C-alpha cells in the first residue's frame, strides 16, 4: 500500500482541508488507464516526501461530492492543497519532475 492515504468524501475535510502540511491529492478511477500510469509516480513521491507532504488517493467513482466540489472533470487530476486551499492543479499523466517542481514550490 505505501505511504499514501485513501481519501473519501467522509475523511477529506479532516485529512486534506485541515492538514497542517501540504497535501497532494490524486483523483483517479479504476477504469482510467493514465491513472495507472501515474500511480507509481505518486507512490514514489509519497515515500520521498513522507512527513513533509501528505499524499492521498481519491477514487472519483465512489466519492462524487468532493469531485464535484473541486470540479474534477478529467482524470488523473492532481490537486495540491495548502492551508485547506487548492493551490495548484496538474491534469493528465505528467512526468514526475513536473509534479515534483510544483510540490517543492509549496514547501
PDB file of N, CA and C in Angstrom:
ATOM      1  N   UNK A   1       0.821  -1.214   0.000  1.00  0.00           N
ATOM      2  CA  UNK A   1       0.000   0.000   0.000  1.00  0.00           C
ATOM      3  C   UNK A   1       0.857   1.267   0.000  1.00  0.00           C
ATOM      4  N   UNK A   2       1.915   1.337   0.743  1.00  0.00           N
ATOM      5  CA  UNK A   2       2.781   2.504   0.668  1.00  0.00           C
ATOM      6  C   UNK A   2       2.423   3.607   1.644  1.00  0.00           C
ATOM      7  N   UNK A   3       2.867   4.805   1.322  1.00  0.00           N
ATOM      8  CA  UNK A   3       2.812   5.924   2.255  1.00  0.00           C
ATOM      9  C   UNK A   3       1.615   6.842   2.048  1.00  0.00           C
ATOM     10  N   UNK A   4       0.757   6.516   1.093  1.00  0.00           N
ATOM     11  CA  UNK A   4      -0.357   7.433   0.852  1.00  0.00           C
ATOM     12  C   UNK A   4      -1.600   6.993   1.621  1.00  0.00           C
ATOM     13  N   UNK A   5      -2.548   7.915   1.743  1.00  0.00           N
ATOM     14  CA  UNK A   5      -3.796   7.594   2.419  1.00  0.00           C
ATOM     15  C   UNK A   5      -4.928   7.501   1.403  1.00  0.00           C
ATOM     16  N   UNK A   6      -5.910   6.695   1.726  1.00  0.00           N
ATOM     17  CA  UNK A   6      -7.086   6.587   0.873  1.00  0.00           C
ATOM     18  C   UNK A   6      -8.077   7.639   1.336  1.00  0.00           C
ATOM     19  N   UNK A   7      -8.378   8.571   0.443  1.00  0.00           N
ATOM     20  CA  UNK A   7      -9.281   9.661   0.776  1.00  0.00           C
ATOM     21  C   UNK A   7     -10.687   9.356   0.283  1.00  0.00           C
ATOM     22  N   UNK A   8     -11.675   9.845   1.025  1.00  0.00           N
ATOM     23  CA  UNK A   8     -13.086   9.662   0.656  1.00  0.00           C
ATOM     24  C   UNK A   8     -13.825  10.970   0.918  1.00  0.00           C
ATOM     25  N   UNK A   9     -15.068  11.023   0.483  1.00  0.00           N
ATOM     26  CA  UNK A   9     -15.912  12.182   0.793  1.00  0.00           C
ATOM     27  C   UNK A   9     -15.954  12.408   2.307  1.00  0.00           C
ATOM     28  N   UNK A  10     -15.895  11.316   3.066  1.00  0.00           N
ATOM     29  CA  UNK A  10     -16.043  11.380   4.517  1.00  0.00           C
ATOM     30  C   UNK A  10     -14.816  11.939   5.234  1.00  0.00           C
ATOM     31  N   UNK A  11     -13.614  11.512   4.825  1.00  0.00           N
ATOM     32  CA  UNK A  11     -12.426  11.950   5.575  1.00  0.00           C
ATOM     33  C   UNK A  11     -11.669  13.109   4.913  1.00  0.00           C
ATOM     34  N   UNK A  12     -12.179  13.610   3.774  1.00  0.00           N
ATOM     35  CA  UNK A  12     -11.451  14.619   3.000  1.00  0.00           C
ATOM     36  C   UNK A  12     -11.190  15.896   3.799  1.00  0.00           C
ATOM     37  N   UNK A  13     -12.221  16.388   4.473  1.00  0.00           N
ATOM     38  CA  UNK A  13     -12.073  17.627   5.233  1.00  0.00           C
ATOM     39  C   UNK A  13     -10.992  17.477   6.302  1.00  0.00           C
ATOM     40  N   UNK A  14     -11.091  16.371   7.049  1.00  0.00           N
ATOM     41  CA  UNK A  14     -10.146  16.101   8.136  1.00  0.00           C
ATOM     42  C   UNK A  14      -8.715  15.936   7.615  1.00  0.00           C
ATOM     43  N   UNK A  15      -8.553  15.087   6.603  1.00  0.00           N
ATOM     44  CA  UNK A  15      -7.212  14.718   6.125  1.00  0.00           C
ATOM     45  C   UNK A  15      -6.564  15.773   5.222  1.00  0.00           C
ATOM     46  N   UNK A  16      -7.398  16.500   4.449  1.00  0.00           N
ATOM     47  CA  UNK A  16      -6.848  17.413   3.445  1.00  0.00           C
ATOM     48  C   UNK A  16      -7.050  18.867   3.834  1.00  0.00           C
ATOM     49  N   UNK A  17      -8.309  19.250   4.015  1.00  0.00           N
ATOM     50  CA  UNK A  17      -8.601  20.666   4.246  1.00  0.00           C
ATOM     51  C   UNK A  17      -8.093  21.154   5.600  1.00  0.00           C
ATOM     52  N   UNK A  18      -7.966  20.241   6.561  1.00  0.00           N
ATOM     53  CA  UNK A  18      -7.493  20.648   7.890  1.00  0.00           C
ATOM     54  C   UNK A  18      -6.036  20.248   8.134  1.00  0.00           C
ATOM     55  N   UNK A  19      -5.351  19.773   7.100  1.00  0.00           N
ATOM     56  CA  UNK A  19      -3.965  19.318   7.268  1.00  0.00           C
ATOM     57  C   UNK A  19      -3.035  20.500   7.528  1.00  0.00           C
ATOM     58  N   UNK A  20      -2.065  20.291   8.412  1.00  0.00           N
ATOM     59  CA  UNK A  20      -1.117  21.371   8.679  1.00  0.00           C
ATOM     60  C   UNK A  20       0.117  21.297   7.768  1.00  0.00           C
ATOM     61  N   UNK A  21       0.185  20.288   6.916  1.00  0.00           N
ATOM     62  CA  UNK A  21       1.246  20.236   5.899  1.00  0.00           C
ATOM     63  C   UNK A  21       0.568  20.157   4.527  1.00  0.00           C
ATOM     64  N   UNK A  22       1.289  20.532   3.455  1.00  0.00           N
ATOM     65  CA  UNK A  22       0.667  20.449   2.125  1.00  0.00           C
ATOM     66  C   UNK A  22       0.214  19.029   1.795  1.00  0.00           C
ATOM     67  N   UNK A  23      -0.815  18.916   0.965  1.00  0.00           N
ATOM     68  CA  UNK A  23      -1.362  17.610   0.594  1.00  0.00           C
ATOM     69  C   UNK A  23      -1.455  17.510  -0.924  1.00  0.00           C
ATOM     70  N   UNK A  24      -0.950  16.394  -1.457  1.00  0.00           N
ATOM     71  CA  UNK A  24      -1.106  16.091  -2.877  1.00  0.00           C
ATOM     72  C   UNK A  24      -2.236  15.070  -2.987  1.00  0.00           C
ATOM     73  N   UNK A  25      -3.278  15.429  -3.731  1.00  0.00           N
ATOM     74  CA  UNK A  25      -4.416  14.514  -3.883  1.00  0.00           C
ATOM     75  C   UNK A  25      -4.471  14.022  -5.328  1.00  0.00           C
ATOM     76  N   UNK A  26      -4.445  12.715  -5.476  1.00  0.00           N
ATOM     77  CA  UNK A  26      -4.517  12.066  -6.785  1.00  0.00           C
ATOM     78  C   UNK A  26      -5.960  11.602  -7.010  1.00  0.00           C
ATOM     79  N   UNK A  27      -6.687  12.322  -7.879  1.00  0.00           N
ATOM     80  CA  UNK A  27      -8.050  11.919  -8.232  1.00  0.00           C
ATOM     81  C   UNK A  27      -7.954  10.898  -9.356  1.00  0.00           C
ATOM     82  N   UNK A  28      -8.498   9.703  -9.113  1.00  0.00           N
ATOM     83  CA  UNK A  28      -8.323   8.606 -10.069  1.00  0.00           C
ATOM     84  C   UNK A  28      -9.576   7.735 -10.100  1.00  0.00           C
ATOM     85  N   UNK A  29      -9.575   6.751 -11.009  1.00  0.00           N
ATOM     86  CA  UNK A  29     -10.635   5.738 -11.046  1.00  0.00           C
ATOM     87  C   UNK A  29     -10.046   4.442 -11.583  1.00  0.00           C
ATOM     88  N   UNK A  30     -10.675   3.350 -11.207  1.00  0.00           N
ATOM     89  CA  UNK A  30     -10.224   2.009 -11.573  1.00  0.00           C
ATOM     90  C   UNK A  30     -10.093   1.831 -13.084  1.00  0.00           C
ATOM     91  N   UNK A  31     -11.027   2.385 -13.853  1.00  0.00           N
ATOM     92  CA  UNK A  31     -11.081   2.171 -15.305  1.00  0.00           C
ATOM     93  C   UNK A  31     -10.150   3.087 -16.098  1.00  0.00           C
ATOM     94  N   UNK A  32      -9.459   3.990 -15.418  1.00  0.00           N
ATOM     95  CA  UNK A  32      -8.688   5.030 -16.100  1.00  0.00           C
ATOM     96  C   UNK A  32      -7.240   4.591 -16.323  1.00  0.00           C
ATOM     97  N   UNK A  33      -6.873   4.331 -17.588  1.00  0.00           N
ATOM     98  CA  UNK A  33      -5.519   3.854 -17.898  1.00  0.00           C
ATOM     99  C   UNK A  33      -4.414   4.860 -17.531  1.00  0.00           C
ATOM    100  N   UNK A  34      -4.547   6.151 -17.880  1.00  0.00           N
ATOM    101  CA  UNK A  34      -3.492   7.108 -17.490  1.00  0.00           C
ATOM    102  C   UNK A  34      -3.320   7.185 -15.971  1.00  0.00           C
ATOM    103  N   UNK A  35      -4.387   6.907 -15.221  1.00  0.00           N
ATOM    104  CA  UNK A  35      -4.285   6.910 -13.758  1.00  0.00           C
ATOM    105  C   UNK A  35      -3.336   5.811 -13.287  1.00  0.00           C
ATOM    106  N   UNK A  36      -3.378   4.672 -14.005  1.00  0.00           N
ATOM    107  CA  UNK A  36      -2.499   3.562 -13.623  1.00  0.00           C
ATOM    108  C   UNK A  36      -1.048   3.888 -13.962  1.00  0.00           C
ATOM    109  N   UNK A  37      -0.857   4.687 -15.014  1.00  0.00           N
ATOM    110  CA  UNK A  37       0.496   5.092 -15.408  1.00  0.00           C
ATOM    111  C   UNK A  37       1.116   6.000 -14.342  1.00  0.00           C
ATOM    112  N   UNK A  38       0.306   6.910 -13.817  1.00  0.00           N
ATOM    113  CA  UNK A  38       0.822   7.904 -12.882  1.00  0.00           C
ATOM    114  C   UNK A  38       0.890   7.379 -11.439  1.00  0.00           C
ATOM    115  N   UNK A  39       0.148   6.320 -11.139  1.00  0.00           N
ATOM    116  CA  UNK A  39       0.082   5.795  -9.768  1.00  0.00           C
ATOM    117  C   UNK A  39       1.454   5.511  -9.134  1.00  0.00           C
ATOM    118  N   UNK A  40       2.369   4.808  -9.824  1.00  0.00           N
ATOM    119  CA  UNK A  40       3.672   4.537  -9.199  1.00  0.00           C
ATOM    120  C   UNK A  40       4.456   5.815  -8.899  1.00  0.00           C
ATOM    121  N   UNK A  41       4.299   6.823  -9.737  1.00  0.00           N
ATOM    122  CA  UNK A  41       4.973   8.113  -9.536  1.00  0.00           C
ATOM    123  C   UNK A  41       4.446   8.768  -8.266  1.00  0.00           C
ATOM    124  N   UNK A  42       3.134   8.742  -8.109  1.00  0.00           N
ATOM    125  CA  UNK A  42       2.508   9.329  -6.926  1.00  0.00           C
ATOM    126  C   UNK A  42       2.981   8.593  -5.667  1.00  0.00           C
ATOM    127  N   UNK A  43       3.090   7.264  -5.771  1.00  0.00           N
ATOM    128  CA  UNK A  43       3.545   6.488  -4.624  1.00  0.00           C
ATOM    129  C   UNK A  43       5.010   6.787  -4.282  1.00  0.00           C
ATOM    130  N   UNK A  44       5.837   6.962  -5.308  1.00  0.00           N
ATOM    131  CA  UNK A  44       7.246   7.332  -5.076  1.00  0.00           C
ATOM    132  C   UNK A  44       7.343   8.672  -4.360  1.00  0.00           C
ATOM    133  N   UNK A  45       6.536   9.614  -4.803  1.00  0.00           N
ATOM    134  CA  UNK A  45       6.548  10.946  -4.185  1.00  0.00           C
ATOM    135  C   UNK A  45       6.070  10.871  -2.744  1.00  0.00           C
ATOM    136  N   UNK A  46       5.085  10.019  -2.489  1.00  0.00           N
ATOM    137  CA  UNK A  46       4.573   9.851  -1.125  1.00  0.00           C
ATOM    138  C   UNK A  46       5.690   9.388  -0.200  1.00  0.00           C
ATOM    139  N   UNK A  47       6.504   8.480  -0.721  1.00  0.00           N
ATOM    140  CA  UNK A  47       7.615   7.945   0.062  1.00  0.00           C
ATOM    141  C   UNK A  47       8.695   9.014   0.249  1.00  0.00           C
ATOM    142  N   UNK A  48       9.009   9.683  -0.846  1.00  0.00           N
ATOM    143  CA  UNK A  48      10.058  10.693  -0.864  1.00  0.00           C
ATOM    144  C   UNK A  48       9.776  11.860   0.077  1.00  0.00           C
ATOM    145  N   UNK A  49       8.513  12.269   0.133  1.00  0.00           N
ATOM    146  CA  UNK A  49       8.146  13.452   0.911  1.00  0.00           C
ATOM    147  C   UNK A  49       7.430  13.098   2.213  1.00  0.00           C
ATOM    148  N   UNK A  50       7.530  11.847   2.635  1.00  0.00           N
ATOM    149  CA  UNK A  50       6.879  11.412   3.875  1.00  0.00           C
ATOM    150  C   UNK A  50       7.236  12.374   5.010  1.00  0.00           C
ATOM    151  N   UNK A  51       6.208  12.842   5.720  1.00  0.00           N
ATOM    152  CA  UNK A  51       6.448  13.767   6.828  1.00  0.00           C
ATOM    153  C   UNK A  51       6.415  15.228   6.407  1.00  0.00           C
ATOM    154  N   UNK A  52       6.704  15.507   5.137  1.00  0.00           N
ATOM    155  CA  UNK A  52       6.710  16.888   4.644  1.00  0.00           C
ATOM    156  C   UNK A  52       5.447  17.205   3.867  1.00  0.00           C
ATOM    157  N   UNK A  53       5.004  16.214   3.094  1.00  0.00           N
ATOM    158  CA  UNK A  53       3.798  16.375   2.285  1.00  0.00           C
ATOM    159  C   UNK A  53       2.966  15.119   2.458  1.00  0.00           C
ATOM    160  N   UNK A  54       1.681  15.322   2.659  1.00  0.00           N
ATOM    161  CA  UNK A  54       0.766  14.185   2.779  1.00  0.00           C
ATOM    162  C   UNK A  54       0.280  13.858   1.365  1.00  0.00           C
ATOM    163  N   UNK A  55       0.175  12.579   1.042  1.00  0.00           N
ATOM    164  CA  UNK A  55      -0.297  12.181  -0.281  1.00  0.00           C
ATOM    165  C   UNK A  55      -1.519  11.290  -0.117  1.00  0.00           C
ATOM    166  N   UNK A  56      -2.559  11.615  -0.871  1.00  0.00           N
ATOM    167  CA  UNK A  56      -3.784  10.832  -0.789  1.00  0.00           C
ATOM    168  C   UNK A  56      -4.305  10.463  -2.159  1.00  0.00           C
ATOM    169  N   UNK A  57      -4.923   9.300  -2.238  1.00  0.00           N
ATOM    170  CA  UNK A  57      -5.559   8.866  -3.490  1.00  0.00           C
ATOM    171  C   UNK A  57      -7.062   8.918  -3.289  1.00  0.00           C
ATOM    172  N   UNK A  58      -7.743   9.489  -4.297  1.00  0.00           N
ATOM    173  CA  UNK A  58      -9.170   9.736  -4.174  1.00  0.00           C
ATOM    174  C   UNK A  58      -9.899   9.112  -5.353  1.00  0.00           C
ATOM    175  N   UNK A  59     -10.706   8.091  -5.086  1.00  0.00           N
ATOM    176  CA  UNK A  59     -11.447   7.394  -6.137  1.00  0.00           C
ATOM    177  C   UNK A  59     -12.711   8.192  -6.479  1.00  0.00           C
ATOM    178  N   UNK A  60     -12.723   8.803  -7.670  1.00  0.00           N
ATOM    179  CA  UNK A  60     -13.836   9.684  -8.048  1.00  0.00           C
ATOM    180  C   UNK A  60     -15.158   8.927  -8.195  1.00  0.00           C
ATOM    181  N   UNK A  61     -15.102   7.646  -8.553  1.00  0.00           N
ATOM    182  CA  UNK A  61     -16.327   6.880  -8.758  1.00  0.00           C
ATOM    183  C   UNK A  61     -17.096   6.665  -7.460  1.00  0.00           C
ATOM    184  N   UNK A  62     -16.376   6.435  -6.373  1.00  0.00           N
ATOM    185  CA  UNK A  62     -17.066   6.148  -5.110  1.00  0.00           C
ATOM    186  C   UNK A  62     -17.340   7.410  -4.300  1.00  0.00           C
ATOM    187  N   UNK A  63     -16.798   8.550  -4.720  1.00  0.00           N
ATOM    188  CA  UNK A  63     -16.897   9.770  -3.916  1.00  0.00           C
ATOM    189  C   UNK A  63     -17.269  10.985  -4.763  1.00  0.00           C
ATOM    190  N   UNK A  64     -18.549  11.079  -5.143  1.00  0.00           N
ATOM    191  CA  UNK A  64     -18.941  12.146  -6.070  1.00  0.00           C
ATOM    192  C   UNK A  64     -18.921  13.558  -5.481  1.00  0.00           C
ATOM    193  N   UNK A  65     -19.109  13.689  -4.155  1.00  0.00           N
ATOM    194  CA  UNK A  65     -19.270  15.033  -3.596  1.00  0.00           C
ATOM    195  C   UNK A  65     -18.024  15.887  -3.723  1.00  0.00           C
ATOM    196  N   UNK A  66     -16.895  15.361  -3.265  1.00  0.00           N
ATOM    197  CA  UNK A  66     -15.647  16.131  -3.317  1.00  0.00           C
ATOM    198  C   UNK A  66     -15.242  16.373  -4.768  1.00  0.00           C
ATOM    199  N   UNK A  67     -15.424  15.369  -5.622  1.00  0.00           N
ATOM    200  CA  UNK A  67     -15.097  15.529  -7.043  1.00  0.00           C
ATOM    201  C   UNK A  67     -15.864  16.701  -7.638  1.00  0.00           C
ATOM    202  N   UNK A  68     -17.145  16.829  -7.275  1.00  0.00           N
ATOM    203  CA  UNK A  68     -17.964  17.930  -7.767  1.00  0.00           C
ATOM    204  C   UNK A  68     -17.515  19.256  -7.158  1.00  0.00           C
ATOM    205  N   UNK A  69     -17.243  19.242  -5.872  1.00  0.00           N
ATOM    206  CA  UNK A  69     -16.835  20.459  -5.160  1.00  0.00           C
ATOM    207  C   UNK A  69     -15.615  21.098  -5.827  1.00  0.00           C
ATOM    208  N   UNK A  70     -14.670  20.251  -6.242  1.00  0.00           N
ATOM    209  CA  UNK A  70     -13.440  20.772  -6.841  1.00  0.00           C
ATOM    210  C   UNK A  70     -13.446  20.721  -8.365  1.00  0.00           C
ATOM    211  N   UNK A  71     -14.611  20.413  -8.941  1.00  0.00           N
ATOM    212  CA  UNK A  71     -14.761  20.464 -10.395  1.00  0.00           C
ATOM    213  C   UNK A  71     -13.842  19.529 -11.155  1.00  0.00           C
ATOM    214  N   UNK A  72     -13.662  18.318 -10.638  1.00  0.00           N
ATOM    215  CA  UNK A  72     -12.806  17.346 -11.316  1.00  0.00           C
ATOM    216  C   UNK A  72     -13.541  16.805 -12.538  1.00  0.00           C
ATOM    217  N   UNK A  73     -13.038  17.135 -13.729  1.00  0.00           N
ATOM    218  CA  UNK A  73     -13.713  16.704 -14.951  1.00  0.00           C
ATOM    219  C   UNK A  73     -12.958  15.611 -15.690  1.00  0.00           C
ATOM    220  N   UNK A  74     -11.647  15.673 -15.663  1.00  0.00           N
ATOM    221  CA  UNK A  74     -10.899  14.594 -16.322  1.00  0.00           C
ATOM    222  C   UNK A  74      -9.886  14.058 -15.332  1.00  0.00           C
ATOM    223  N   UNK A  75      -9.611  12.776 -15.455  1.00  0.00           N
ATOM    224  CA  UNK A  75      -8.641  12.174 -14.538  1.00  0.00           C
ATOM    225  C   UNK A  75      -7.545  11.505 -15.356  1.00  0.00           C
ATOM    226  N   UNK A  76      -6.349  11.350 -14.830  1.00  0.00           N
ATOM    227  CA  UNK A  76      -5.988  11.774 -13.480  1.00  0.00           C
ATOM    228  C   UNK A  76      -5.864  13.300 -13.354  1.00  0.00           C
ATOM    229  N   UNK A  77      -6.338  13.799 -12.219  1.00  0.00           N
ATOM    230  CA  UNK A  77      -6.088  15.188 -11.843  1.00  0.00           C
ATOM    231  C   UNK A  77      -5.412  15.154 -10.488  1.00  0.00           C
ATOM    232  N   UNK A  78      -4.321  15.891 -10.358  1.00  0.00           N
ATOM    233  CA  UNK A  78      -3.653  16.014  -9.069  1.00  0.00           C
ATOM    234  C   UNK A  78      -3.912  17.425  -8.564  1.00  0.00           C
ATOM    235  N   UNK A  79      -4.377  17.539  -7.334  1.00  0.00           N
ATOM    236  CA  UNK A  79      -4.527  18.852  -6.717  1.00  0.00           C
ATOM    237  C   UNK A  79      -3.554  18.941  -5.560  1.00  0.00           C
ATOM    238  N   UNK A  80      -2.923  20.097  -5.420  1.00  0.00           N
ATOM    239  CA  UNK A  80      -2.054  20.334  -4.272  1.00  0.00           C
ATOM    240  C   UNK A  80      -2.774  21.314  -3.349  1.00  0.00           C
ATOM    241  N   UNK A  81      -2.937  20.901  -2.112  1.00  0.00           N
ATOM    242  CA  UNK A  81      -3.615  21.734  -1.115  1.00  0.00           C
ATOM    243  C   UNK A  81      -2.605  22.280  -0.130  1.00  0.00           C
ATOM    244  N   UNK A  82      -2.819  23.530   0.272  1.00  0.00           N
ATOM    245  CA  UNK A  82      -2.012  24.112   1.332  1.00  0.00           C
ATOM    246  C   UNK A  82      -2.939  24.975   2.175  1.00  0.00           C
ATOM    247  N   UNK A  83      -2.881  24.787   3.494  1.00  0.00           N
ATOM    248  CA  UNK A  83      -3.762  25.510   4.416  1.00  0.00           C
ATOM    249  C   UNK A  83      -5.230  25.397   4.007  1.00  0.00           C
ATOM    250  N   UNK A  84      -5.628  24.217   3.543  1.00  0.00           N
ATOM    251  CA  UNK A  84      -7.032  23.979   3.236  1.00  0.00           C
ATOM    252  C   UNK A  84      -7.490  24.441   1.864  1.00  0.00           C
ATOM    253  N   UNK A  85      -6.608  25.078   1.104  1.00  0.00           N
ATOM    254  CA  UNK A  85      -6.995  25.556  -0.230  1.00  0.00           C
ATOM    255  C   UNK A  85      -6.248  24.811  -1.324  1.00  0.00           C
ATOM    256  N   UNK A  86      -6.940  24.592  -2.455  1.00  0.00           N
ATOM    257  CA  UNK A  86      -6.278  24.004  -3.619  1.00  0.00           C
ATOM    258  C   UNK A  86      -5.417  25.093  -4.243  1.00  0.00           C
ATOM    259  N   UNK A  87      -4.094  24.918  -4.214  1.00  0.00           N
ATOM    260  CA  UNK A  87      -3.183  25.953  -4.703  1.00  0.00           C
ATOM    261  C   UNK A  87      -2.591  25.620  -6.071  1.00  0.00           C
ATOM    262  N   UNK A  88      -2.720  24.378  -6.498  1.00  0.00           N
ATOM    263  CA  UNK A  88      -2.172  24.009  -7.802  1.00  0.00           C
ATOM    264  C   UNK A  88      -2.906  22.795  -8.355  1.00  0.00           C
ATOM    265  N   UNK A  89      -2.965  22.720  -9.674  1.00  0.00           N
ATOM    266  CA  UNK A  89      -3.671  21.630 -10.350  1.00  0.00           C
ATOM    267  C   UNK A  89      -2.794  21.072 -11.452  1.00  0.00           C
ATOM    268  N   UNK A  90      -2.722  19.752 -11.541  1.00  0.00           N
ATOM    269  CA  UNK A  90      -1.993  19.090 -12.625  1.00  0.00           C
ATOM    270  C   UNK A  90      -2.966  18.096 -13.251  1.00  0.00           C
ATOM    271  N   UNK A  91      -3.205  18.234 -14.553  1.00  0.00           N
ATOM    272  CA  UNK A  91      -4.142  17.328 -15.213  1.00  0.00           C
ATOM    273  C   UNK A  91      -3.388  16.417 -16.171  1.00  0.00           C
ATOM    274  N   UNK A  92      -3.691  15.115 -16.094  1.00  0.00           N
ATOM    275  CA  UNK A  92      -3.070  14.156 -17.005  1.00  0.00           C
ATOM    276  C   UNK A  92      -1.859  13.484 -16.404  1.00  0.00           C
ATOM    277  N   UNK A  93      -1.375  12.460 -17.098  1.00  0.00           N
ATOM    278  CA  UNK A  93      -0.210  11.709 -16.632  1.00  0.00           C
ATOM    279  C   UNK A  93       1.046  12.455 -17.045  1.00  0.00           C
ATOM    280  N   UNK A  94       1.544  13.298 -16.163  1.00  0.00           N
ATOM    281  CA  UNK A  94       2.727  14.112 -16.462  1.00  0.00           C
ATOM    282  C   UNK A  94       3.969  13.454 -15.866  1.00  0.00           C
ATOM    283  N   UNK A  95       5.164  13.826 -16.342  1.00  0.00           N
ATOM    284  CA  UNK A  95       6.397  13.266 -15.780  1.00  0.00           C
ATOM    285  C   UNK A  95       6.576  13.661 -14.311  1.00  0.00           C
ATOM    286  N   UNK A  96       7.303  12.825 -13.592  1.00  0.00           N
ATOM    287  CA  UNK A  96       7.499  13.020 -12.156  1.00  0.00           C
ATOM    288  C   UNK A  96       8.075  14.399 -11.826  1.00  0.00           C
ATOM    289  N   UNK A  97       9.049  14.859 -12.636  1.00  0.00           N
ATOM    290  CA  UNK A  97       9.695  16.136 -12.308  1.00  0.00           C
ATOM    291  C   UNK A  97       8.725  17.316 -12.338  1.00  0.00           C
ATOM    292  N   UNK A  98       7.686  17.214 -13.165  1.00  0.00           N
ATOM    293  CA  UNK A  98       6.678  18.281 -13.245  1.00  0.00           C
ATOM    294  C   UNK A  98       5.922  18.373 -11.914  1.00  0.00           C
ATOM    295  N   UNK A  99       5.525  17.219 -11.392  1.00  0.00           N
ATOM    296  CA  UNK A  99       4.795  17.182 -10.122  1.00  0.00           C
ATOM    297  C   UNK A  99       5.720  17.646  -9.001  1.00  0.00           C
ATOM    298  N   UNK A 100       6.955  17.160  -9.054  1.00  0.00           N
ATOM    299  CA  UNK A 100       7.910  17.464  -8.005  1.00  0.00           C
ATOM    300  C   UNK A 100       8.195  18.956  -7.904  1.00  0.00           C
ATOM    301  N   UNK A 101       8.324  19.627  -9.045  1.00  0.00           N
ATOM    302  CA  UNK A 101       8.554  21.064  -9.066  1.00  0.00           C
ATOM    303  C   UNK A 101       7.428  21.806  -8.364  1.00  0.00           C
ATOM    304  N   UNK A 102       6.198  21.381  -8.654  1.00  0.00           N
ATOM    305  CA  UNK A 102       5.033  22.035  -8.062  1.00  0.00           C
ATOM    306  C   UNK A 102       4.949  21.754  -6.558  1.00  0.00           C
ATOM    307  N   UNK A 103       5.364  20.560  -6.132  1.00  0.00           N
ATOM    308  CA  UNK A 103       5.379  20.238  -4.714  1.00  0.00           C
ATOM    309  C   UNK A 103       6.429  21.073  -3.987  1.00  0.00           C
ATOM    310  N   UNK A 104       7.609  21.155  -4.581  1.00  0.00           N
ATOM    311  CA  UNK A 104       8.711  21.923  -3.996  1.00  0.00           C
ATOM    312  C   UNK A 104       8.289  23.367  -3.724  1.00  0.00           C
ATOM    313  N   UNK A 105       7.497  23.908  -4.665  1.00  0.00           N
ATOM    314  CA  UNK A 105       7.049  25.307  -4.549  1.00  0.00           C
ATOM    315  C   UNK A 105       6.182  25.519  -3.308  1.00  0.00           C
ATOM    316  N   UNK A 106       5.582  24.453  -2.784  1.00  0.00           N
ATOM    317  CA  UNK A 106       4.682  24.590  -1.636  1.00  0.00           C
ATOM    318  C   UNK A 106       5.361  24.286  -0.309  1.00  0.00           C
ATOM    319  N   UNK A 107       6.609  23.887  -0.356  1.00  0.00           N
ATOM    320  CA  UNK A 107       7.297  23.542   0.901  1.00  0.00           C
ATOM    321  C   UNK A 107       7.881  24.761   1.599  1.00  0.00           C
TER     322      UNK A 107
END
